[in-house]
Amino acid sequence: MTEGPRTLDQFDIRGRSALVTGAASGIGLAYAECMAEAGAKVTLTDIDAEGVARETQRLADEGYEVRSGVCDVADLSQVAKAFDDHVAAYGGCDIAFANAGLDVGNGFWTPEGARNPEGQIDRYDPDRWYKSIGINLNGVFHTVREAARVMKANEASGGRRGGAIVITSSNAAEVNEAIVGVPYMAAKAGVKHFMRHAAYELAAYGIRVNAIAPGPFVTNIGDGWVKKNPAAKAAWDELVPVGRMAETYQIKPLALLLASDAGSYITG
């Protein structure tokens, strides 16, 4: 047998702690479930106070070690507090998922195949742009900033060195999608480049930074418009080579790879 730990042992995150933003539903909830199922102590945060409390209680009832916090990632002070509270509860932070995001909608094309005047650049509502950038790009910066702050302190406090940060980017960072709002694509493209820079900078501290760029998933993003609109769901299904949108449970194995020692040589 070659040197090194056994393969499955590298996926073991028992005893570690993880903080997840945007964890009340969708992909963020899947990340939180994955971390809890694999034995980590998890803080679920979300701007949706009722939703995050409900899901945290459900996981607690299933026997997992979890706690919740209300956090608007567009507000740096709230993100800092979320991490401080997590460290106070669990003694450090080993894993962070910068996941919170939203699509404010209004692509320049409708799922039904017609031009959408409100989604075109010359008609686009600036407030929608600022809101999308504030959450999807600034929110990622805030989360990575605070994760790096507490992870740099892990070793000094007697914990493990460094940590793992996983950012939710999007296929929209690579591909122009006419039914997706333009600020969402711009923000996710920025997230991709920021992730690479953060990985380059933080590697010296033992902090790995990666991004998952999901294609179309069935979630509550955009107020759950895909779930509510069969035409939108059909349009996305047709775009995917395997013929269907993904379910959130399918992202869990990849999340565990990047969060655990199984991904110890993967960054950026």
Protein backbone atom coordinates (compact mmCIF):
# COMPACT_ATOMS: atom_id res chain seq x y z
CA MET A 1 0.00 0.00 0.00
CA THR A 2 1.26 3.49 -0.81
CA GLU A 3 2.12 5.90 2.00
CA GLY A 4 -0.51 8.19 3.43
CA PRO A 5 -3.93 7.88 5.05
CA ARG A 6 -6.61 5.52 3.85
CA THR A 7 -8.85 6.99 1.18
CA LEU A 8 -12.08 7.18 3.17
CA ASP A 9 -10.25 8.51 6.24
CA GLN A 10 -9.38 11.62 4.24
CA PHE A 11 -13.07 12.51 4.08
CA ASP A 12 -13.44 12.38 7.88
CA ILE A 13 -14.40 15.81 9.31
CA ARG A 14 -15.68 14.60 12.67
CA GLY A 15 -14.88 17.12 15.39
CA ARG A 16 -14.38 20.03 13.00
CA SER A 17 -16.68 23.01 12.72
CA ALA A 18 -18.26 24.64 9.70
CA LEU A 19 -20.16 27.87 9.07
CA VAL A 20 -22.53 28.09 6.10
CA THR A 21 -24.15 31.26 4.77
CA GLY A 22 -27.47 31.13 2.94
CA ALA A 23 -28.25 27.87 4.74
CA ALA A 24 -32.03 28.15 5.13
CA SER A 25 -32.71 26.40 1.82
CA GLY A 26 -31.29 25.17 -1.46
CA ILE A 27 -27.60 24.53 -1.96
CA GLY A 28 -26.63 26.21 1.31
CA LEU A 29 -28.90 23.87 3.25
CA ALA A 30 -27.39 20.93 1.36
CA TYR A 31 -23.91 22.07 2.40
CA ALA A 32 -25.02 22.34 6.03
CA GLU A 33 -26.66 18.91 5.93
CA CYS A 34 -23.54 17.42 4.35
CA MET A 35 -21.23 18.85 7.02
CA ALA A 36 -23.54 17.70 9.83
CA GLU A 37 -24.00 14.23 8.33
CA ALA A 38 -20.21 13.88 8.09
CA GLY A 39 -19.80 14.72 11.78
CA ALA A 40 -18.94 18.42 11.84
CA LYS A 41 -20.40 20.99 14.22
CA VAL A 42 -22.30 23.43 12.05
CA THR A 43 -23.57 27.00 12.21
CA LEU A 44 -26.34 27.69 9.71
CA THR A 45 -26.76 31.37 8.89
CA ASP A 46 -29.26 33.12 6.66
CA ILE A 47 -31.13 36.40 6.35
CA ASP A 48 -34.31 34.31 6.60
CA ALA A 49 -34.57 34.04 10.39
CA GLU A 50 -37.62 31.77 10.39
CA GLY A 51 -36.29 29.44 7.73
CA VAL A 52 -32.83 29.00 9.20
CA ALA A 53 -34.26 28.40 12.68
CA ARG A 54 -36.65 25.78 11.31
CA GLU A 55 -33.97 23.87 9.42
CA THR A 56 -31.51 24.07 12.30
CA GLN A 57 -34.12 22.64 14.67
CA ARG A 58 -34.86 19.85 12.20
CA LEU A 59 -31.19 18.89 12.06
CA ALA A 60 -30.89 19.11 15.85
CA ASP A 61 -33.89 16.83 16.19
CA GLU A 62 -32.09 14.34 13.94
CA GLY A 63 -29.19 14.30 16.40
CA TYR A 64 -26.70 16.64 14.75
CA GLU A 65 -24.67 19.32 16.56
CA VAL A 66 -25.93 22.52 14.96
CA ARG A 67 -26.73 26.10 15.79
CA SER A 68 -28.18 29.01 13.80
CA GLY A 69 -27.64 32.71 13.30
CA VAL A 70 -29.32 35.48 11.33
CA CYS A 71 -26.91 37.18 8.93
CA ASP A 72 -27.17 39.53 5.96
CA VAL A 73 -23.91 38.90 4.10
CA ALA A 74 -24.11 42.34 2.47
CA ASP A 75 -23.41 43.78 5.96
CA LEU A 76 -19.79 43.17 7.02
CA SER A 77 -20.55 43.73 10.70
CA GLN A 78 -23.18 40.97 10.66
CA VAL A 79 -20.79 38.56 8.97
CA ALA A 80 -18.05 39.35 11.50
CA LYS A 81 -20.48 38.71 14.35
CA ALA A 82 -21.59 35.41 12.82
CA PHE A 83 -18.00 34.18 12.78
CA ASP A 84 -17.26 35.50 16.26
CA ASP A 85 -20.33 33.72 17.61
CA HIS A 86 -19.34 30.52 15.81
CA VAL A 87 -15.83 30.62 17.28
CA ALA A 88 -17.22 31.30 20.74
CA ALA A 89 -19.53 28.29 20.43
CA TYR A 90 -17.13 25.81 18.84
CA GLY A 91 -13.63 27.07 19.69
CA GLY A 92 -12.59 27.87 16.14
CA CYS A 93 -13.65 27.56 12.52
CA ASP A 94 -12.28 24.88 10.21
CA ILE A 95 -14.65 25.16 7.25
CA ALA A 96 -16.62 28.05 5.78
CA PHE A 97 -19.09 28.06 2.92
CA ALA A 98 -19.56 31.47 1.30
CA ASN A 99 -22.82 30.46 -0.30
CA ALA A 100 -25.49 33.13 0.24
CA GLY A 101 -26.74 34.57 -3.03
CA LEU A 102 -29.78 35.57 -5.00
CA ASP A 103 -30.88 36.22 -8.55
CA VAL A 104 -32.96 39.36 -8.75
CA GLY A 105 -34.30 38.10 -12.06
CA ASN A 106 -35.08 40.03 -15.23
CA GLY A 107 -32.89 38.51 -17.89
CA PHE A 108 -33.28 40.13 -21.29
CA TRP A 109 -35.08 37.02 -22.55
CA THR A 110 -38.04 35.29 -20.91
CA PRO A 111 -38.19 31.50 -20.48
CA GLU A 112 -41.11 31.55 -22.92
CA GLY A 113 -38.83 32.94 -25.65
CA ALA A 114 -39.71 36.62 -25.81
CA ARG A 115 -37.68 39.78 -25.26
CA ASN A 116 -38.00 41.13 -21.72
CA PRO A 117 -37.74 44.95 -21.82
CA GLU A 118 -37.08 45.26 -18.08
CA GLY A 119 -34.09 42.93 -18.34
CA GLN A 120 -32.23 44.93 -20.97
CA ILE A 121 -29.25 47.02 -19.93
CA ASP A 122 -30.72 50.38 -20.89
CA ARG A 123 -33.86 49.64 -18.84
CA TYR A 124 -32.31 47.74 -15.96
CA ASP A 125 -33.26 48.98 -12.50
CA PRO A 126 -30.02 50.19 -10.83
CA ASP A 127 -31.31 49.17 -7.42
CA ARG A 128 -31.54 45.56 -8.63
CA TRP A 129 -27.93 45.79 -9.81
CA TYR A 130 -26.71 47.17 -6.48
CA LYS A 131 -28.63 44.56 -4.49
CA SER A 132 -27.27 41.69 -6.56
CA ILE A 133 -23.67 42.91 -6.40
CA GLY A 134 -24.04 43.62 -2.68
CA ILE A 135 -25.01 40.05 -1.88
CA ASN A 136 -23.44 37.94 -4.63
CA LEU A 137 -20.03 39.65 -4.77
CA ASN A 138 -19.59 41.87 -1.71
CA GLY A 139 -21.15 39.16 0.45
CA VAL A 140 -18.56 36.64 -0.72
CA PHE A 141 -15.76 39.10 0.05
CA HIS A 142 -17.18 39.70 3.52
CA THR A 143 -17.46 35.97 4.22
CA VAL A 144 -13.99 35.09 2.95
CA ARG A 145 -12.51 38.08 4.80
CA GLU A 146 -13.92 36.97 8.13
CA ALA A 147 -13.21 33.29 7.52
CA ALA A 148 -9.57 34.12 6.82
CA ARG A 149 -9.39 36.20 10.00
CA VAL A 150 -10.56 33.40 12.27
CA MET A 151 -8.77 30.61 10.39
CA LYS A 152 -5.42 32.38 10.71
CA ALA A 153 -6.00 32.24 14.48
CA ASN A 154 -6.78 28.51 14.54
CA GLU A 155 -3.22 27.34 15.11
CA ALA A 156 -2.43 29.99 17.71
CA SER A 157 -5.42 28.85 19.77
CA GLY A 158 -4.32 25.21 19.71
CA GLY A 159 -6.50 24.11 16.83
CA ARG A 160 -5.73 22.76 13.37
CA ARG A 161 -3.71 24.97 11.05
CA GLY A 162 -5.61 26.84 8.40
CA GLY A 163 -8.95 25.70 7.04
CA ALA A 164 -11.09 25.27 3.96
CA ILE A 165 -13.25 27.93 2.33
CA VAL A 166 -15.75 26.94 -0.34
CA ILE A 167 -17.48 29.62 -2.40
CA THR A 168 -20.63 29.12 -4.44
CA SER A 169 -19.98 30.57 -7.87
CA SER A 170 -22.12 29.63 -10.86
CA ASN A 171 -22.06 28.38 -14.40
CA ALA A 172 -23.18 31.95 -15.11
CA ALA A 173 -19.59 33.06 -14.39
CA GLU A 174 -18.61 31.33 -17.66
CA VAL A 175 -21.68 31.39 -19.89
CA ASN A 176 -24.01 34.22 -20.91
CA GLU A 177 -27.52 33.13 -20.02
CA ALA A 178 -30.21 35.33 -21.53
CA ILE A 179 -32.88 34.48 -18.93
CA VAL A 180 -30.56 35.35 -16.00
CA GLY A 181 -30.19 38.93 -14.77
CA VAL A 182 -27.01 40.67 -15.91
CA PRO A 183 -25.75 41.63 -12.41
CA TYR A 184 -25.86 38.02 -11.29
CA MET A 185 -23.53 36.97 -14.11
CA ALA A 186 -21.21 39.91 -13.49
CA ALA A 187 -21.05 39.15 -9.76
CA LYS A 188 -20.36 35.45 -10.27
CA ALA A 189 -17.59 36.20 -12.77
CA GLY A 190 -16.06 38.49 -10.15
CA VAL A 191 -16.40 35.76 -7.54
CA LYS A 192 -14.46 33.33 -9.73
CA HIS A 193 -11.48 35.66 -10.09
CA PHE A 194 -11.61 36.71 -6.42
CA MET A 195 -11.53 33.03 -5.40
CA ARG A 196 -8.33 32.48 -7.34
CA HIS A 197 -6.68 35.51 -5.77
CA ALA A 198 -7.77 34.49 -2.27
CA ALA A 199 -6.43 30.96 -2.81
CA TYR A 200 -3.08 32.35 -3.98
CA GLU A 201 -2.78 34.69 -1.01
CA LEU A 202 -4.04 32.40 1.75
CA ALA A 203 -2.20 29.21 0.76
CA ALA A 204 0.77 30.27 2.89
CA TYR A 205 -1.50 30.07 5.95
CA GLY A 206 -2.78 26.60 5.18
CA ILE A 207 -6.15 28.00 4.07
CA ARG A 208 -7.53 26.47 0.90
CA VAL A 209 -10.07 28.44 -1.14
CA ASN A 210 -12.16 26.83 -3.87
CA ALA A 211 -15.40 27.51 -5.67
CA ILE A 212 -18.18 25.27 -6.87
CA ALA A 213 -19.86 26.58 -10.02
CA PRO A 214 -23.23 24.82 -10.17
CA GLY A 215 -25.23 24.56 -13.31
CA PRO A 216 -29.03 24.68 -13.05
CA PHE A 217 -30.26 23.38 -9.68
CA VAL A 218 -33.83 23.26 -8.40
CA THR A 219 -33.70 25.73 -5.49
CA ASN A 220 -35.56 28.71 -4.07
CA ILE A 221 -33.32 31.25 -5.82
CA GLY A 222 -35.26 34.00 -7.55
CA ASP A 223 -38.15 33.42 -5.13
CA GLY A 224 -38.36 29.83 -6.30
CA TRP A 225 -39.34 30.89 -9.82
CA VAL A 226 -38.14 27.64 -11.42
CA LYS A 227 -40.38 25.64 -9.09
CA LYS A 228 -43.33 27.90 -9.84
CA ASN A 229 -42.84 28.20 -13.59
CA PRO A 230 -43.01 24.94 -15.60
CA ALA A 231 -41.86 26.78 -18.73
CA ALA A 232 -38.72 27.96 -16.95
CA LYS A 233 -38.03 24.46 -15.64
CA ALA A 234 -38.49 23.00 -19.13
CA ALA A 235 -36.18 25.63 -20.63
CA TRP A 236 -33.43 24.79 -18.16
CA ASP A 237 -33.93 21.03 -18.60
CA GLU A 238 -33.45 21.43 -22.33
CA LEU A 239 -30.16 23.31 -21.84
CA VAL A 240 -28.59 20.56 -19.72
CA PRO A 241 -26.87 17.72 -21.63
CA VAL A 242 -28.27 15.06 -19.26
CA GLY A 243 -31.74 16.51 -19.83
CA ARG A 244 -32.66 17.69 -16.35
CA MET A 245 -31.83 20.18 -13.65
CA ALA A 246 -29.92 18.90 -10.61
CA GLU A 247 -31.26 18.28 -7.11
CA THR A 248 -29.36 19.81 -4.22
CA TYR A 249 -28.35 16.50 -2.61
CA GLN A 250 -26.16 15.86 -5.64
CA ILE A 251 -23.75 18.64 -4.65
CA LYS A 252 -22.96 17.14 -1.23
CA PRO A 253 -20.12 14.78 -2.24
CA LEU A 254 -18.24 17.58 -3.99
CA ALA A 255 -18.71 19.84 -0.97
CA LEU A 256 -17.27 17.17 1.33
CA LEU A 257 -14.28 16.67 -0.98
CA LEU A 258 -13.37 20.35 -0.88
CA ALA A 259 -14.05 20.78 2.84
CA SER A 260 -12.10 17.73 3.99
CA ASP A 261 -8.51 16.51 3.80
CA ALA A 262 -9.53 14.61 0.68
CA GLY A 263 -9.11 17.96 -1.06
CA SER A 264 -5.89 18.90 0.72
CA TYR A 265 -4.04 19.48 -2.57
CA ILE A 266 -6.88 21.37 -4.24
CA THR A 267 -6.99 25.15 -4.03
CA GLY A 268 -7.86 27.93 -6.42
